[in-house]
Amino acid sequence: MMFRCPDCRTRRKDYGLFTQHLKSSGHRKCGCGGYPYAHRPCSRYCHKSQASVYHEAARRGESHEVLHEIAIELMLDATFSTERRKPALAIRVEAELGELADCPF
């Protein structure tokens, strides 16, 4: 059986080594409420993930137009934020919009 760290995703075959890694690194599962159980940080519905708003709206059955507006807002937030990484969803929307995505307005 393989044990996978919920934060850095490294694998350990031995449970003792796995728990030792968790204690030494401080990695642990997230309990933000995006899922009804402890889960990997920044997973699809985790509230720490920027794209969780989009995925929760899709799970509720929102229309395609609403999902597209949420995706555009996520893209704009990622574009104007100081963070270095864009969520994968924003990259997809940027590709869909093409040259409009380069416009800062």
N, C-alpha and C. Protein backbone atom coordinates (compact mmCIF):
# COMPACT_ATOMS: atom_id res chain seq x y z
N MET A 1 0.85 -1.18 0.00
CA MET A 1 0.00 0.00 0.00
C MET A 1 0.89 1.24 0.00
N MET A 2 0.46 2.23 -0.77
CA MET A 2 1.20 3.49 -0.84
C MET A 2 0.47 4.55 -0.03
N PHE A 3 1.24 5.35 0.67
CA PHE A 3 0.69 6.46 1.45
C PHE A 3 1.18 7.74 0.79
N ARG A 4 0.25 8.64 0.50
CA ARG A 4 0.58 9.87 -0.20
C ARG A 4 0.34 11.07 0.71
N CYS A 5 1.33 11.95 0.77
CA CYS A 5 1.22 13.16 1.58
C CYS A 5 0.12 14.05 0.99
N PRO A 6 -0.80 14.55 1.82
CA PRO A 6 -1.89 15.36 1.30
C PRO A 6 -1.45 16.74 0.81
N ASP A 7 -0.29 17.19 1.23
CA ASP A 7 0.15 18.52 0.85
C ASP A 7 1.15 18.50 -0.30
N CYS A 8 2.27 17.80 -0.15
CA CYS A 8 3.30 17.82 -1.18
C CYS A 8 3.18 16.65 -2.15
N ARG A 9 2.30 15.70 -1.87
CA ARG A 9 1.98 14.57 -2.74
C ARG A 9 3.10 13.55 -2.90
N THR A 10 4.13 13.57 -2.03
CA THR A 10 5.16 12.54 -2.08
C THR A 10 4.57 11.23 -1.59
N ARG A 11 5.20 10.12 -2.01
CA ARG A 11 4.68 8.80 -1.67
C ARG A 11 5.62 8.08 -0.72
N ARG A 12 5.04 7.30 0.19
CA ARG A 12 5.79 6.45 1.11
C ARG A 12 5.15 5.08 1.12
N LYS A 13 5.98 4.03 1.12
CA LYS A 13 5.46 2.67 1.19
C LYS A 13 5.21 2.24 2.63
N ASP A 14 5.99 2.77 3.53
CA ASP A 14 5.91 2.38 4.93
C ASP A 14 5.12 3.43 5.72
N TYR A 15 4.15 2.97 6.53
CA TYR A 15 3.33 3.90 7.30
C TYR A 15 4.17 4.69 8.30
N GLY A 16 5.18 4.04 8.87
CA GLY A 16 6.06 4.73 9.82
C GLY A 16 6.80 5.89 9.18
N LEU A 17 7.33 5.66 7.97
CA LEU A 17 8.01 6.74 7.25
C LEU A 17 7.04 7.84 6.85
N PHE A 18 5.82 7.43 6.52
CA PHE A 18 4.79 8.40 6.15
C PHE A 18 4.46 9.33 7.32
N THR A 19 4.21 8.75 8.49
CA THR A 19 3.89 9.58 9.67
C THR A 19 5.09 10.42 10.09
N GLN A 20 6.30 9.88 9.91
CA GLN A 20 7.50 10.65 10.22
C GLN A 20 7.59 11.87 9.30
N HIS A 21 7.30 11.68 8.02
CA HIS A 21 7.30 12.79 7.07
C HIS A 21 6.27 13.85 7.47
N LEU A 22 5.07 13.41 7.85
CA LEU A 22 4.02 14.36 8.23
C LEU A 22 4.43 15.16 9.46
N LYS A 23 5.04 14.50 10.45
CA LYS A 23 5.46 15.20 11.66
C LYS A 23 6.59 16.18 11.38
N SER A 24 7.56 15.78 10.56
CA SER A 24 8.72 16.64 10.31
C SER A 24 8.38 17.82 9.39
N SER A 25 7.45 17.62 8.47
CA SER A 25 7.13 18.68 7.51
C SER A 25 5.97 19.57 7.96
N GLY A 26 5.10 19.04 8.82
CA GLY A 26 3.93 19.80 9.25
C GLY A 26 2.78 19.74 8.26
N HIS A 27 2.89 18.88 7.25
CA HIS A 27 1.82 18.75 6.26
C HIS A 27 0.63 18.03 6.87
N ARG A 28 -0.56 18.46 6.50
CA ARG A 28 -1.79 17.79 6.98
C ARG A 28 -2.93 18.09 6.03
N LYS A 29 -4.02 17.38 6.22
CA LYS A 29 -5.18 17.56 5.37
C LYS A 29 -5.91 18.84 5.75
N CYS A 30 -6.72 19.33 4.81
CA CYS A 30 -7.47 20.57 5.00
C CYS A 30 -8.87 20.26 5.53
N GLY A 31 -9.40 21.11 6.35
CA GLY A 31 -10.75 20.95 6.89
C GLY A 31 -11.58 22.20 6.70
N CYS A 32 -11.48 22.82 5.52
CA CYS A 32 -12.13 24.11 5.27
C CYS A 32 -13.64 24.03 5.12
N GLY A 33 -14.18 22.85 4.82
CA GLY A 33 -15.61 22.71 4.63
C GLY A 33 -16.04 22.57 3.18
N GLY A 34 -15.10 22.61 2.25
CA GLY A 34 -15.43 22.42 0.85
C GLY A 34 -15.92 21.00 0.58
N TYR A 35 -15.41 20.08 1.34
CA TYR A 35 -15.85 18.69 1.32
C TYR A 35 -16.36 18.34 2.72
N PRO A 36 -17.19 17.32 2.86
CA PRO A 36 -17.66 16.94 4.20
C PRO A 36 -16.64 16.12 4.99
N TYR A 37 -15.40 16.04 4.51
CA TYR A 37 -14.34 15.27 5.18
C TYR A 37 -13.02 16.01 4.99
N ALA A 38 -12.00 15.62 5.75
CA ALA A 38 -10.67 16.22 5.58
C ALA A 38 -10.14 15.81 4.21
N HIS A 39 -9.54 16.74 3.50
CA HIS A 39 -9.14 16.50 2.12
C HIS A 39 -7.81 17.15 1.82
N ARG A 40 -7.31 16.92 0.61
CA ARG A 40 -6.05 17.50 0.16
C ARG A 40 -6.24 19.00 -0.05
N PRO A 41 -5.32 19.83 0.48
CA PRO A 41 -5.43 21.28 0.28
C PRO A 41 -5.44 21.64 -1.20
N CYS A 42 -6.28 22.59 -1.55
CA CYS A 42 -6.43 23.13 -2.91
C CYS A 42 -6.97 22.12 -3.91
N SER A 43 -7.70 21.11 -3.43
CA SER A 43 -8.36 20.20 -4.37
C SER A 43 -9.57 20.92 -4.96
N ARG A 44 -10.29 20.26 -5.83
CA ARG A 44 -11.31 20.91 -6.66
C ARG A 44 -12.30 21.76 -5.87
N TYR A 45 -12.91 21.27 -4.82
CA TYR A 45 -13.93 22.03 -4.08
C TYR A 45 -13.38 22.67 -2.80
N CYS A 46 -12.09 22.59 -2.57
CA CYS A 46 -11.47 23.18 -1.37
C CYS A 46 -11.59 24.70 -1.46
N HIS A 47 -11.97 25.33 -0.35
CA HIS A 47 -12.15 26.79 -0.35
C HIS A 47 -10.83 27.54 -0.46
N LYS A 48 -9.71 26.85 -0.29
CA LYS A 48 -8.41 27.49 -0.48
C LYS A 48 -8.07 27.62 -1.96
N SER A 49 -8.75 26.85 -2.80
CA SER A 49 -8.53 26.90 -4.24
C SER A 49 -9.32 28.06 -4.83
N GLN A 50 -8.70 28.82 -5.72
CA GLN A 50 -9.39 29.95 -6.34
C GLN A 50 -10.52 29.48 -7.23
N ALA A 51 -10.37 28.32 -7.83
CA ALA A 51 -11.37 27.82 -8.79
C ALA A 51 -12.54 27.11 -8.11
N SER A 52 -12.54 27.03 -6.79
CA SER A 52 -13.62 26.31 -6.11
C SER A 52 -14.98 26.97 -6.34
N VAL A 53 -15.01 28.28 -6.52
CA VAL A 53 -16.26 28.99 -6.78
C VAL A 53 -16.88 28.47 -8.08
N TYR A 54 -16.04 28.31 -9.10
CA TYR A 54 -16.51 27.80 -10.40
C TYR A 54 -17.04 26.38 -10.26
N HIS A 55 -16.29 25.52 -9.61
CA HIS A 55 -16.67 24.12 -9.49
C HIS A 55 -17.94 23.94 -8.64
N GLU A 56 -18.08 24.75 -7.60
CA GLU A 56 -19.30 24.66 -6.78
C GLU A 56 -20.52 25.14 -7.58
N ALA A 57 -20.34 26.17 -8.41
CA ALA A 57 -21.44 26.65 -9.25
C ALA A 57 -21.83 25.58 -10.27
N ALA A 58 -20.84 24.90 -10.83
CA ALA A 58 -21.12 23.82 -11.79
C ALA A 58 -21.84 22.67 -11.09
N ARG A 59 -21.46 22.37 -9.86
CA ARG A 59 -22.11 21.30 -9.11
C ARG A 59 -23.56 21.66 -8.80
N ARG A 60 -23.85 22.95 -8.59
CA ARG A 60 -25.22 23.40 -8.33
C ARG A 60 -26.07 23.42 -9.60
N GLY A 61 -25.43 23.32 -10.77
CA GLY A 61 -26.17 23.30 -12.02
C GLY A 61 -26.41 24.67 -12.62
N GLU A 62 -25.53 25.61 -12.34
CA GLU A 62 -25.66 26.96 -12.92
C GLU A 62 -25.54 26.89 -14.45
N SER A 63 -26.08 27.89 -15.12
CA SER A 63 -26.07 27.91 -16.59
C SER A 63 -24.64 28.12 -17.12
N HIS A 64 -24.47 27.82 -18.39
CA HIS A 64 -23.16 27.98 -19.03
C HIS A 64 -22.71 29.44 -19.01
N GLU A 65 -23.64 30.36 -19.15
CA GLU A 65 -23.29 31.79 -19.15
C GLU A 65 -22.75 32.22 -17.79
N VAL A 66 -23.39 31.75 -16.72
CA VAL A 66 -22.93 32.10 -15.36
C VAL A 66 -21.55 31.51 -15.12
N LEU A 67 -21.36 30.27 -15.54
CA LEU A 67 -20.04 29.64 -15.37
C LEU A 67 -18.97 30.38 -16.15
N HIS A 68 -19.32 30.85 -17.33
CA HIS A 68 -18.37 31.60 -18.14
C HIS A 68 -18.01 32.92 -17.47
N GLU A 69 -18.99 33.61 -16.89
CA GLU A 69 -18.71 34.87 -16.18
C GLU A 69 -17.81 34.63 -14.97
N ILE A 70 -18.06 33.55 -14.24
CA ILE A 70 -17.22 33.23 -13.08
C ILE A 70 -15.80 32.95 -13.54
N ALA A 71 -15.67 32.20 -14.65
CA ALA A 71 -14.34 31.88 -15.17
C ALA A 71 -13.59 33.12 -15.61
N ILE A 72 -14.29 34.07 -16.22
CA ILE A 72 -13.65 35.32 -16.64
C ILE A 72 -13.19 36.11 -15.41
N GLU A 73 -14.01 36.17 -14.37
CA GLU A 73 -13.60 36.87 -13.15
C GLU A 73 -12.39 36.21 -12.52
N LEU A 74 -12.37 34.88 -12.52
CA LEU A 74 -11.20 34.18 -11.99
C LEU A 74 -9.95 34.52 -12.79
N MET A 75 -10.10 34.59 -14.10
CA MET A 75 -8.97 34.91 -14.95
C MET A 75 -8.47 36.33 -14.67
N LEU A 76 -9.39 37.27 -14.53
CA LEU A 76 -8.99 38.65 -14.26
C LEU A 76 -8.35 38.78 -12.89
N ASP A 77 -8.89 38.07 -11.90
CA ASP A 77 -8.28 38.10 -10.57
C ASP A 77 -6.86 37.55 -10.63
N ALA A 78 -6.66 36.48 -11.37
CA ALA A 78 -5.34 35.88 -11.49
C ALA A 78 -4.39 36.78 -12.26
N THR A 79 -4.91 37.51 -13.25
CA THR A 79 -4.08 38.38 -14.06
C THR A 79 -3.59 39.58 -13.27
N PHE A 80 -4.45 40.16 -12.45
CA PHE A 80 -4.08 41.37 -11.71
C PHE A 80 -3.58 41.11 -10.30
N SER A 81 -3.54 39.85 -9.88
CA SER A 81 -3.02 39.56 -8.54
C SER A 81 -1.50 39.50 -8.59
N THR A 82 -0.89 39.53 -7.42
CA THR A 82 0.56 39.47 -7.35
C THR A 82 1.07 38.04 -7.32
N GLU A 83 0.16 37.08 -7.30
CA GLU A 83 0.59 35.69 -7.29
C GLU A 83 1.21 35.32 -8.62
N ARG A 84 2.10 34.36 -8.59
CA ARG A 84 2.80 33.97 -9.80
C ARG A 84 2.03 32.91 -10.59
N ARG A 85 1.19 32.13 -9.92
CA ARG A 85 0.47 31.05 -10.60
C ARG A 85 -0.95 31.45 -10.93
N LYS A 86 -1.40 31.12 -12.11
CA LYS A 86 -2.80 31.29 -12.47
C LYS A 86 -3.48 29.94 -12.27
N PRO A 87 -4.72 29.95 -11.84
CA PRO A 87 -5.41 28.68 -11.78
C PRO A 87 -5.56 28.09 -13.19
N ALA A 88 -5.60 26.77 -13.26
CA ALA A 88 -5.72 26.10 -14.56
C ALA A 88 -6.97 26.55 -15.30
N LEU A 89 -8.01 26.84 -14.55
CA LEU A 89 -9.26 27.30 -15.16
C LEU A 89 -9.05 28.63 -15.88
N ALA A 90 -8.32 29.54 -15.27
CA ALA A 90 -8.07 30.85 -15.89
C ALA A 90 -7.24 30.69 -17.16
N ILE A 91 -6.33 29.75 -17.18
CA ILE A 91 -5.52 29.51 -18.37
C ILE A 91 -6.41 28.99 -19.50
N ARG A 92 -7.35 28.10 -19.16
CA ARG A 92 -8.28 27.58 -20.17
C ARG A 92 -9.16 28.69 -20.75
N VAL A 93 -9.68 29.55 -19.87
CA VAL A 93 -10.55 30.64 -20.33
C VAL A 93 -9.74 31.61 -21.17
N GLU A 94 -8.51 31.85 -20.76
CA GLU A 94 -7.64 32.75 -21.52
C GLU A 94 -7.45 32.21 -22.94
N ALA A 95 -7.29 30.92 -23.06
CA ALA A 95 -7.12 30.31 -24.38
C ALA A 95 -8.41 30.42 -25.19
N GLU A 96 -9.56 30.28 -24.53
CA GLU A 96 -10.85 30.39 -25.23
C GLU A 96 -11.08 31.81 -25.74
N LEU A 97 -10.73 32.78 -24.93
CA LEU A 97 -11.01 34.17 -25.31
C LEU A 97 -9.98 34.72 -26.29
N GLY A 98 -8.84 34.09 -26.39
CA GLY A 98 -7.81 34.50 -27.34
C GLY A 98 -7.32 35.90 -27.09
N GLU A 99 -7.43 36.76 -28.08
CA GLU A 99 -6.87 38.11 -27.99
C GLU A 99 -7.60 38.98 -26.98
N LEU A 100 -8.83 38.70 -26.65
CA LEU A 100 -9.54 39.49 -25.64
C LEU A 100 -8.90 39.33 -24.26
N ALA A 101 -8.27 38.18 -24.02
CA ALA A 101 -7.64 37.95 -22.72
C ALA A 101 -6.44 38.85 -22.51
N ASP A 102 -5.83 39.33 -23.60
CA ASP A 102 -4.67 40.22 -23.46
C ASP A 102 -5.08 41.64 -23.11
N CYS A 103 -6.33 41.98 -23.29
CA CYS A 103 -6.82 43.32 -22.99
C CYS A 103 -6.91 43.49 -21.47
N PRO A 104 -6.29 44.53 -20.90
CA PRO A 104 -6.32 44.72 -19.46
C PRO A 104 -7.64 45.28 -18.94
N PHE A 105 -8.60 45.57 -19.80
CA PHE A 105 -9.86 46.17 -19.36
C PHE A 105 -10.99 45.20 -19.43
